[in-house]
Amino acid sequence: TKYVSADEKVTTFLYFARTGCSTRMCQERFHRSVDTINKSIYSILLMLVGSFYQKHVHLPLDETPIEIRENPKFYPYFRNCCGAIDGLYFHAW
């Protein structure tokens, strides 16, 4: 992958992530070996979940909202929830 530019690695990763295609389809699209495609995707993914993630992603504080904490109707059901996905609360453990 030393002959693959950073732009091509990012493009390959974005194409792979956006289309949901297989690495074989990326191989045909970018005319690279499957090994090169895999290494390109993996290197970009490592960059995203490594120090970049720690530096730029800030999770909300782990506190129960006042509306839930002070309402006896909601608190028994939502006391162990720490966040929401698509408006639905979920247990983190």
PDB file of N, CA and C in Angstrom:
ATOM      1  N   THR A   1       0.816  -1.213   0.000  1.00  0.00           N
ATOM      2  CA  THR A   1       0.000   0.000   0.000  1.00  0.00           C
ATOM      3  C   THR A   1       0.851   1.264   0.000  1.00  0.00           C
ATOM      4  N   LYS A   2       2.158   1.106  -0.143  1.00  0.00           N
ATOM      5  CA  LYS A   2       2.995   2.307  -0.147  1.00  0.00           C
ATOM      6  C   LYS A   2       2.824   3.116  -1.431  1.00  0.00           C
ATOM      7  N   TYR A   3       2.244   2.501  -2.473  1.00  0.00           N
ATOM      8  CA  TYR A   3       2.016   3.224  -3.719  1.00  0.00           C
ATOM      9  C   TYR A   3       0.593   3.774  -3.823  1.00  0.00           C
ATOM     10  N   VAL A   4      -0.179   3.631  -2.767  1.00  0.00           N
ATOM     11  CA  VAL A   4      -1.548   4.140  -2.742  1.00  0.00           C
ATOM     12  C   VAL A   4      -1.545   5.465  -1.991  1.00  0.00           C
ATOM     13  N   SER A   5      -2.060   6.499  -2.631  1.00  0.00           N
ATOM     14  CA  SER A   5      -2.067   7.819  -1.992  1.00  0.00           C
ATOM     15  C   SER A   5      -3.109   7.866  -0.874  1.00  0.00           C
ATOM     16  N   ALA A   6      -2.957   8.844  -0.004  1.00  0.00           N
ATOM     17  CA  ALA A   6      -3.911   9.023   1.094  1.00  0.00           C
ATOM     18  C   ALA A   6      -5.302   9.340   0.548  1.00  0.00           C
ATOM     19  N   ASP A   7      -5.352  10.113  -0.533  1.00  0.00           N
ATOM     20  CA  ASP A   7      -6.641  10.436  -1.145  1.00  0.00           C
ATOM     21  C   ASP A   7      -7.356   9.180  -1.628  1.00  0.00           C
ATOM     22  N   GLU A   8      -6.599   8.276  -2.244  1.00  0.00           N
ATOM     23  CA  GLU A   8      -7.212   7.045  -2.740  1.00  0.00           C
ATOM     24  C   GLU A   8      -7.663   6.143  -1.591  1.00  0.00           C
ATOM     25  N   LYS A   9      -6.907   6.135  -0.497  1.00  0.00           N
ATOM     26  CA  LYS A   9      -7.314   5.347   0.669  1.00  0.00           C
ATOM     27  C   LYS A   9      -8.630   5.870   1.243  1.00  0.00           C
ATOM     28  N   VAL A  10      -8.722   7.186   1.369  1.00  0.00           N
ATOM     29  CA  VAL A  10      -9.951   7.785   1.899  1.00  0.00           C
ATOM     30  C   VAL A  10     -11.114   7.533   0.948  1.00  0.00           C
ATOM     31  N   THR A  11     -10.869   7.681  -0.345  1.00  0.00           N
ATOM     32  CA  THR A  11     -11.912   7.439  -1.338  1.00  0.00           C
ATOM     33  C   THR A  11     -12.391   5.995  -1.282  1.00  0.00           C
ATOM     34  N   THR A  12     -11.458   5.073  -1.179  1.00  0.00           N
ATOM     35  CA  THR A  12     -11.811   3.655  -1.083  1.00  0.00           C
ATOM     36  C   THR A  12     -12.645   3.394   0.160  1.00  0.00           C
ATOM     37  N   PHE A  13     -12.220   3.954   1.282  1.00  0.00           N
ATOM     38  CA  PHE A  13     -12.959   3.760   2.533  1.00  0.00           C
ATOM     39  C   PHE A  13     -14.364   4.342   2.436  1.00  0.00           C
ATOM     40  N   LEU A  14     -14.492   5.562   1.918  1.00  0.00           N
ATOM     41  CA  LEU A  14     -15.804   6.195   1.809  1.00  0.00           C
ATOM     42  C   LEU A  14     -16.721   5.421   0.865  1.00  0.00           C
ATOM     43  N   TYR A  15     -16.170   4.946  -0.238  1.00  0.00           N
ATOM     44  CA  TYR A  15     -16.955   4.150  -1.185  1.00  0.00           C
ATOM     45  C   TYR A  15     -17.426   2.860  -0.517  1.00  0.00           C
ATOM     46  N   PHE A  16     -16.523   2.201   0.190  1.00  0.00           N
ATOM     47  CA  PHE A  16     -16.844   0.954   0.887  1.00  0.00           C
ATOM     48  C   PHE A  16     -17.902   1.189   1.961  1.00  0.00           C
ATOM     49  N   ALA A  17     -17.738   2.244   2.746  1.00  0.00           N
ATOM     50  CA  ALA A  17     -18.665   2.528   3.842  1.00  0.00           C
ATOM     51  C   ALA A  17     -20.028   2.982   3.325  1.00  0.00           C
ATOM     52  N   ARG A  18     -20.035   3.773   2.277  1.00  0.00           N
ATOM     53  CA  ARG A  18     -21.290   4.328   1.768  1.00  0.00           C
ATOM     54  C   ARG A  18     -22.124   3.299   1.017  1.00  0.00           C
ATOM     55  N   THR A  19     -21.478   2.509   0.175  1.00  0.00           N
ATOM     56  CA  THR A  19     -22.229   1.570  -0.654  1.00  0.00           C
ATOM     57  C   THR A  19     -22.495   0.248   0.048  1.00  0.00           C
ATOM     58  N   GLY A  20     -21.655  -0.090   1.029  1.00  0.00           N
ATOM     59  CA  GLY A  20     -21.816  -1.375   1.695  1.00  0.00           C
ATOM     60  C   GLY A  20     -21.405  -2.540   0.813  1.00  0.00           C
ATOM     61  N   CYS A  21     -20.622  -2.252  -0.194  1.00  0.00           N
ATOM     62  CA  CYS A  21     -20.199  -3.296  -1.129  1.00  0.00           C
ATOM     63  C   CYS A  21     -19.093  -4.153  -0.512  1.00  0.00           C
ATOM     64  N   SER A  22     -18.796  -5.242  -1.177  1.00  0.00           N
ATOM     65  CA  SER A  22     -17.738  -6.132  -0.702  1.00  0.00           C
ATOM     66  C   SER A  22     -16.374  -5.591  -1.122  1.00  0.00           C
ATOM     67  N   THR A  23     -15.331  -6.145  -0.530  1.00  0.00           N
ATOM     68  CA  THR A  23     -13.983  -5.728  -0.920  1.00  0.00           C
ATOM     69  C   THR A  23     -13.674  -6.169  -2.345  1.00  0.00           C
ATOM     70  N   ARG A  24     -14.297  -7.240  -2.796  1.00  0.00           N
ATOM     71  CA  ARG A  24     -14.124  -7.681  -4.194  1.00  0.00           C
ATOM     72  C   ARG A  24     -14.680  -6.641  -5.162  1.00  0.00           C
ATOM     73  N   MET A  25     -15.805  -6.050  -4.811  1.00  0.00           N
ATOM     74  CA  MET A  25     -16.372  -5.009  -5.676  1.00  0.00           C
ATOM     75  C   MET A  25     -15.484  -3.767  -5.674  1.00  0.00           C
ATOM     76  N   CYS A  26     -14.901  -3.440  -4.518  1.00  0.00           N
ATOM     77  CA  CYS A  26     -13.958  -2.319  -4.454  1.00  0.00           C
ATOM     78  C   CYS A  26     -12.717  -2.621  -5.287  1.00  0.00           C
ATOM     79  N   GLN A  27     -12.310  -3.884  -5.284  1.00  0.00           N
ATOM     80  CA  GLN A  27     -11.158  -4.289  -6.087  1.00  0.00           C
ATOM     81  C   GLN A  27     -11.415  -4.003  -7.563  1.00  0.00           C
ATOM     82  N   GLU A  28     -12.593  -4.343  -8.041  1.00  0.00           N
ATOM     83  CA  GLU A  28     -12.935  -4.084  -9.438  1.00  0.00           C
ATOM     84  C   GLU A  28     -13.059  -2.588  -9.708  1.00  0.00           C
ATOM     85  N   ARG A  29     -13.624  -1.862  -8.768  1.00  0.00           N
ATOM     86  CA  ARG A  29     -13.854  -0.424  -8.957  1.00  0.00           C
ATOM     87  C   ARG A  29     -12.549   0.368  -9.000  1.00  0.00           C
ATOM     88  N   PHE A  30     -11.594   0.038  -8.109  1.00  0.00           N
ATOM     89  CA  PHE A  30     -10.364   0.816  -7.994  1.00  0.00           C
ATOM     90  C   PHE A  30      -9.154   0.142  -8.634  1.00  0.00           C
ATOM     91  N   HIS A  31      -9.355  -1.045  -9.210  1.00  0.00           N
ATOM     92  CA  HIS A  31      -8.272  -1.779  -9.894  1.00  0.00           C
ATOM     93  C   HIS A  31      -7.065  -1.986  -8.986  1.00  0.00           C
ATOM     94  N   ARG A  32      -7.346  -2.463  -7.792  1.00  0.00           N
ATOM     95  CA  ARG A  32      -6.311  -2.796  -6.811  1.00  0.00           C
ATOM     96  C   ARG A  32      -6.565  -4.208  -6.311  1.00  0.00           C
ATOM     97  N   SER A  33      -5.568  -4.805  -5.677  1.00  0.00           N
ATOM     98  CA  SER A  33      -5.750  -6.150  -5.127  1.00  0.00           C
ATOM     99  C   SER A  33      -6.631  -6.090  -3.883  1.00  0.00           C
ATOM    100  N   VAL A  34      -7.215  -7.223  -3.538  1.00  0.00           N
ATOM    101  CA  VAL A  34      -8.061  -7.283  -2.350  1.00  0.00           C
ATOM    102  C   VAL A  34      -7.242  -6.954  -1.111  1.00  0.00           C
ATOM    103  N   ASP A  35      -6.002  -7.402  -1.082  1.00  0.00           N
ATOM    104  CA  ASP A  35      -5.129  -7.101   0.052  1.00  0.00           C
ATOM    105  C   ASP A  35      -4.916  -5.594   0.198  1.00  0.00           C
ATOM    106  N   THR A  36      -4.685  -4.912  -0.907  1.00  0.00           N
ATOM    107  CA  THR A  36      -4.495  -3.456  -0.880  1.00  0.00           C
ATOM    108  C   THR A  36      -5.768  -2.754  -0.425  1.00  0.00           C
ATOM    109  N   ILE A  37      -6.917  -3.212  -0.912  1.00  0.00           N
ATOM    110  CA  ILE A  37      -8.198  -2.626  -0.508  1.00  0.00           C
ATOM    111  C   ILE A  37      -8.404  -2.815   0.997  1.00  0.00           C
ATOM    112  N   ASN A  38      -8.162  -4.036   1.479  1.00  0.00           N
ATOM    113  CA  ASN A  38      -8.330  -4.310   2.912  1.00  0.00           C
ATOM    114  C   ASN A  38      -7.407  -3.450   3.765  1.00  0.00           C
ATOM    115  N   LYS A  39      -6.156  -3.322   3.360  1.00  0.00           N
ATOM    116  CA  LYS A  39      -5.202  -2.511   4.123  1.00  0.00           C
ATOM    117  C   LYS A  39      -5.590  -1.036   4.103  1.00  0.00           C
ATOM    118  N   SER A  40      -6.096  -0.558   2.970  1.00  0.00           N
ATOM    119  CA  SER A  40      -6.522   0.841   2.872  1.00  0.00           C
ATOM    120  C   SER A  40      -7.691   1.117   3.809  1.00  0.00           C
ATOM    121  N   ILE A  41      -8.686   0.245   3.780  1.00  0.00           N
ATOM    122  CA  ILE A  41      -9.862   0.414   4.634  1.00  0.00           C
ATOM    123  C   ILE A  41      -9.459   0.326   6.103  1.00  0.00           C
ATOM    124  N   TYR A  42      -8.620  -0.642   6.426  1.00  0.00           N
ATOM    125  CA  TYR A  42      -8.186  -0.846   7.806  1.00  0.00           C
ATOM    126  C   TYR A  42      -7.390   0.354   8.320  1.00  0.00           C
ATOM    127  N   SER A  43      -6.513   0.913   7.487  1.00  0.00           N
ATOM    128  CA  SER A  43      -5.703   2.049   7.944  1.00  0.00           C
ATOM    129  C   SER A  43      -6.567   3.279   8.226  1.00  0.00           C
ATOM    130  N   ILE A  44      -7.553   3.534   7.387  1.00  0.00           N
ATOM    131  CA  ILE A  44      -8.448   4.674   7.611  1.00  0.00           C
ATOM    132  C   ILE A  44      -9.314   4.417   8.847  1.00  0.00           C
ATOM    133  N   LEU A  45      -9.784   3.196   8.995  1.00  0.00           N
ATOM    134  CA  LEU A  45     -10.598   2.853  10.153  1.00  0.00           C
ATOM    135  C   LEU A  45      -9.819   3.006  11.452  1.00  0.00           C
ATOM    136  N   LEU A  46      -8.568   2.578  11.460  1.00  0.00           N
ATOM    137  CA  LEU A  46      -7.732   2.751  12.653  1.00  0.00           C
ATOM    138  C   LEU A  46      -7.540   4.222  12.993  1.00  0.00           C
ATOM    139  N   MET A  47      -7.379   5.042  11.967  1.00  0.00           N
ATOM    140  CA  MET A  47      -7.212   6.467  12.200  1.00  0.00           C
ATOM    141  C   MET A  47      -8.478   7.063  12.821  1.00  0.00           C
ATOM    142  N   LEU A  48      -9.636   6.617  12.350  1.00  0.00           N
ATOM    143  CA  LEU A  48     -10.891   7.157  12.860  1.00  0.00           C
ATOM    144  C   LEU A  48     -11.168   6.740  14.297  1.00  0.00           C
ATOM    145  N   VAL A  49     -10.813   5.524  14.664  1.00  0.00           N
ATOM    146  CA  VAL A  49     -11.127   5.064  16.014  1.00  0.00           C
ATOM    147  C   VAL A  49      -9.968   5.249  16.979  1.00  0.00           C
ATOM    148  N   GLY A  50      -8.867   5.735  16.523  1.00  0.00           N
ATOM    149  CA  GLY A  50      -7.698   5.936  17.375  1.00  0.00           C
ATOM    150  C   GLY A  50      -7.720   7.283  18.059  1.00  0.00           C
ATOM    151  N   SER A  51      -6.629   7.998  17.947  1.00  0.00           N
ATOM    152  CA  SER A  51      -6.486   9.283  18.632  1.00  0.00           C
ATOM    153  C   SER A  51      -7.474  10.325  18.111  1.00  0.00           C
ATOM    154  N   PHE A  52      -7.852  10.222  16.844  1.00  0.00           N
ATOM    155  CA  PHE A  52      -8.838  11.144  16.283  1.00  0.00           C
ATOM    156  C   PHE A  52     -10.139  11.069  17.073  1.00  0.00           C
ATOM    157  N   TYR A  53     -10.584   9.861  17.363  1.00  0.00           N
ATOM    158  CA  TYR A  53     -11.820   9.656  18.119  1.00  0.00           C
ATOM    159  C   TYR A  53     -11.697  10.243  19.520  1.00  0.00           C
ATOM    160  N   GLN A  54     -10.591   9.954  20.183  1.00  0.00           N
ATOM    161  CA  GLN A  54     -10.400  10.445  21.545  1.00  0.00           C
ATOM    162  C   GLN A  54     -10.330  11.963  21.597  1.00  0.00           C
ATOM    163  N   LYS A  55      -9.804  12.566  20.561  1.00  0.00           N
ATOM    164  CA  LYS A  55      -9.633  14.016  20.557  1.00  0.00           C
ATOM    165  C   LYS A  55     -10.915  14.758  20.182  1.00  0.00           C
ATOM    166  N   HIS A  56     -11.686  14.228  19.240  1.00  0.00           N
ATOM    167  CA  HIS A  56     -12.793  14.990  18.673  1.00  0.00           C
ATOM    168  C   HIS A  56     -14.189  14.534  19.086  1.00  0.00           C
ATOM    169  N   VAL A  57     -14.327  13.347  19.651  1.00  0.00           N
ATOM    170  CA  VAL A  57     -15.646  12.867  20.051  1.00  0.00           C
ATOM    171  C   VAL A  57     -15.799  13.056  21.553  1.00  0.00           C
ATOM    172  N   HIS A  58     -16.810  13.805  21.930  1.00  0.00           N
ATOM    173  CA  HIS A  58     -17.073  14.080  23.341  1.00  0.00           C
ATOM    174  C   HIS A  58     -18.447  13.520  23.694  1.00  0.00           C
ATOM    175  N   LEU A  59     -18.452  12.516  24.543  1.00  0.00           N
ATOM    176  CA  LEU A  59     -19.704  11.901  24.953  1.00  0.00           C
ATOM    177  C   LEU A  59     -20.388  12.767  26.000  1.00  0.00           C
ATOM    178  N   PRO A  60     -21.715  12.725  26.048  1.00  0.00           N
ATOM    179  CA  PRO A  60     -22.426  13.518  27.052  1.00  0.00           C
ATOM    180  C   PRO A  60     -22.143  12.992  28.453  1.00  0.00           C
ATOM    181  N   LEU A  61     -22.385  13.834  29.434  1.00  0.00           N
ATOM    182  CA  LEU A  61     -22.191  13.432  30.825  1.00  0.00           C
ATOM    183  C   LEU A  61     -23.133  12.283  31.174  1.00  0.00           C
ATOM    184  N   ASP A  62     -22.679  11.433  32.057  1.00  0.00           N
ATOM    185  CA  ASP A  62     -23.457  10.260  32.442  1.00  0.00           C
ATOM    186  C   ASP A  62     -24.364  10.602  33.617  1.00  0.00           C
ATOM    187  N   GLU A  63     -25.379  11.383  33.368  1.00  0.00           N
ATOM    188  CA  GLU A  63     -26.344  11.709  34.401  1.00  0.00           C
ATOM    189  C   GLU A  63     -27.744  11.462  33.863  1.00  0.00           C
ATOM    190  N   THR A  64     -28.605  11.074  34.764  1.00  0.00           N
ATOM    191  CA  THR A  64     -30.001  10.879  34.396  1.00  0.00           C
ATOM    192  C   THR A  64     -30.653  12.253  34.301  1.00  0.00           C
ATOM    193  N   PRO A  65     -31.366  12.548  33.214  1.00  0.00           N
ATOM    194  CA  PRO A  65     -32.024  13.854  33.096  1.00  0.00           C
ATOM    195  C   PRO A  65     -32.999  14.090  34.248  1.00  0.00           C
ATOM    196  N   ILE A  66     -33.144  15.343  34.622  1.00  0.00           N
ATOM    197  CA  ILE A  66     -34.016  15.723  35.741  1.00  0.00           C
ATOM    198  C   ILE A  66     -35.451  15.271  35.486  1.00  0.00           C
ATOM    199  N   GLU A  67     -35.894  15.370  34.231  1.00  0.00           N
ATOM    200  CA  GLU A  67     -37.267  14.986  33.895  1.00  0.00           C
ATOM    201  C   GLU A  67     -37.531  13.523  34.226  1.00  0.00           C
ATOM    202  N   ILE A  68     -36.528  12.688  34.093  1.00  0.00           N
ATOM    203  CA  ILE A  68     -36.680  11.259  34.395  1.00  0.00           C
ATOM    204  C   ILE A  68     -36.431  10.995  35.872  1.00  0.00           C
ATOM    205  N   ARG A  69     -35.377  11.593  36.415  1.00  0.00           N
ATOM    206  CA  ARG A  69     -34.978  11.334  37.798  1.00  0.00           C
ATOM    207  C   ARG A  69     -36.058  11.745  38.795  1.00  0.00           C
ATOM    208  N   GLU A  70     -36.761  12.824  38.533  1.00  0.00           N
ATOM    209  CA  GLU A  70     -37.750  13.334  39.483  1.00  0.00           C
ATOM    210  C   GLU A  70     -39.171  12.869  39.198  1.00  0.00           C
ATOM    211  N   ASN A  71     -39.359  12.054  38.197  1.00  0.00           N
ATOM    212  CA  ASN A  71     -40.688  11.568  37.858  1.00  0.00           C
ATOM    213  C   ASN A  71     -40.798  10.087  38.239  1.00  0.00           C
ATOM    214  N   PRO A  72     -41.593   9.759  39.265  1.00  0.00           N
ATOM    215  CA  PRO A  72     -41.704   8.359  39.695  1.00  0.00           C
ATOM    216  C   PRO A  72     -42.318   7.453  38.631  1.00  0.00           C
ATOM    217  N   LYS A  73     -42.972   8.041  37.661  1.00  0.00           N
ATOM    218  CA  LYS A  73     -43.561   7.246  36.581  1.00  0.00           C
ATOM    219  C   LYS A  73     -42.479   6.708  35.635  1.00  0.00           C
ATOM    220  N   PHE A  74     -41.424   7.482  35.403  1.00  0.00           N
ATOM    221  CA  PHE A  74     -40.381   7.091  34.456  1.00  0.00           C
ATOM    222  C   PHE A  74     -39.146   6.487  35.106  1.00  0.00           C
ATOM    223  N   TYR A  75     -38.788   6.963  36.297  1.00  0.00           N
ATOM    224  CA  TYR A  75     -37.498   6.600  36.888  1.00  0.00           C
ATOM    225  C   TYR A  75     -37.279   5.092  37.067  1.00  0.00           C
ATOM    226  N   PRO A  76     -38.266   4.330  37.544  1.00  0.00           N
ATOM    227  CA  PRO A  76     -37.996   2.892  37.709  1.00  0.00           C
ATOM    228  C   PRO A  76     -37.610   2.202  36.398  1.00  0.00           C
ATOM    229  N   TYR A  77     -38.085   2.708  35.284  1.00  0.00           N
ATOM    230  CA  TYR A  77     -37.821   2.063  34.001  1.00  0.00           C
ATOM    231  C   TYR A  77     -36.567   2.595  33.306  1.00  0.00           C
ATOM    232  N   PHE A  78     -36.217   3.839  33.558  1.00  0.00           N
ATOM    233  CA  PHE A  78     -35.110   4.470  32.849  1.00  0.00           C
ATOM    234  C   PHE A  78     -33.914   4.797  33.733  1.00  0.00           C
ATOM    235  N   ARG A  79     -33.845   4.322  34.960  1.00  0.00           N
ATOM    236  CA  ARG A  79     -32.769   4.707  35.872  1.00  0.00           C
ATOM    237  C   ARG A  79     -31.402   4.190  35.434  1.00  0.00           C
ATOM    238  N   ASN A  80     -31.326   3.076  34.746  1.00  0.00           N
ATOM    239  CA  ASN A  80     -30.040   2.524  34.322  1.00  0.00           C
ATOM    240  C   ASN A  80     -29.690   2.860  32.877  1.00  0.00           C
ATOM    241  N   CYS A  81     -30.449   3.715  32.271  1.00  0.00           N
ATOM    242  CA  CYS A  81     -30.195   4.078  30.878  1.00  0.00           C
ATOM    243  C   CYS A  81     -29.245   5.260  30.822  1.00  0.00           C
ATOM    244  N   CYS A  82     -28.341   5.238  29.853  1.00  0.00           N
ATOM    245  CA  CYS A  82     -27.372   6.333  29.784  1.00  0.00           C
ATOM    246  C   CYS A  82     -27.428   7.077  28.459  1.00  0.00           C
ATOM    247  N   GLY A  83     -28.271   6.701  27.537  1.00  0.00           N
ATOM    248  CA  GLY A  83     -28.318   7.408  26.272  1.00  0.00           C
ATOM    249  C   GLY A  83     -29.500   6.967  25.443  1.00  0.00           C
ATOM    250  N   ALA A  84     -29.569   7.498  24.253  1.00  0.00           N
ATOM    251  CA  ALA A  84     -30.675   7.159  23.372  1.00  0.00           C
ATOM    252  C   ALA A  84     -30.166   6.943  21.959  1.00  0.00           C
ATOM    253  N   ILE A  85     -30.764   6.004  21.293  1.00  0.00           N
ATOM    254  CA  ILE A  85     -30.501   5.784  19.871  1.00  0.00           C
ATOM    255  C   ILE A  85     -31.846   5.917  19.177  1.00  0.00           C
ATOM    256  N   ASP A  86     -31.954   6.847  18.277  1.00  0.00           N
ATOM    257  CA  ASP A  86     -33.201   7.080  17.549  1.00  0.00           C
ATOM    258  C   ASP A  86     -34.383   7.318  18.488  1.00  0.00           C
ATOM    259  N   GLY A  87     -34.127   7.986  19.609  1.00  0.00           N
ATOM    260  CA  GLY A  87     -35.191   8.318  20.536  1.00  0.00           C
ATOM    261  C   GLY A  87     -35.577   7.210  21.494  1.00  0.00           C
ATOM    262  N   LEU A  88     -34.918   6.060  21.410  1.00  0.00           N
ATOM    263  CA  LEU A  88     -35.215   4.950  22.309  1.00  0.00           C
ATOM    264  C   LEU A  88     -34.092   4.786  23.308  1.00  0.00           C
ATOM    265  N   TYR A  89     -34.423   4.691  24.577  1.00  0.00           N
ATOM    266  CA  TYR A  89     -33.403   4.503  25.603  1.00  0.00           C
ATOM    267  C   TYR A  89     -32.991   3.041  25.662  1.00  0.00           C
ATOM    268  N   PHE A  90     -31.744   2.810  26.002  1.00  0.00           N
ATOM    269  CA  PHE A  90     -31.236   1.443  26.072  1.00  0.00           C
ATOM    270  C   PHE A  90     -30.343   1.302  27.294  1.00  0.00           C
ATOM    271  N   HIS A  91     -30.194   0.087  27.777  1.00  0.00           N
ATOM    272  CA  HIS A  91     -29.302  -0.197  28.897  1.00  0.00           C
ATOM    273  C   HIS A  91     -27.875  -0.317  28.372  1.00  0.00           C
ATOM    274  N   ALA A  92     -26.923   0.246  29.092  1.00  0.00           N
ATOM    275  CA  ALA A  92     -25.533   0.250  28.641  1.00  0.00           C
ATOM    276  C   ALA A  92     -24.766  -0.963  29.114  1.00  0.00           C
ATOM    277  N   TRP A  93     -25.329  -1.780  29.929  1.00  0.00           N
ATOM    278  CA  TRP A  93     -24.603  -2.944  30.423  1.00  0.00           C
ATOM    279  C   TRP A  93     -25.204  -4.148  29.914  1.00  0.00           C
TER     280      TRP A  93
END
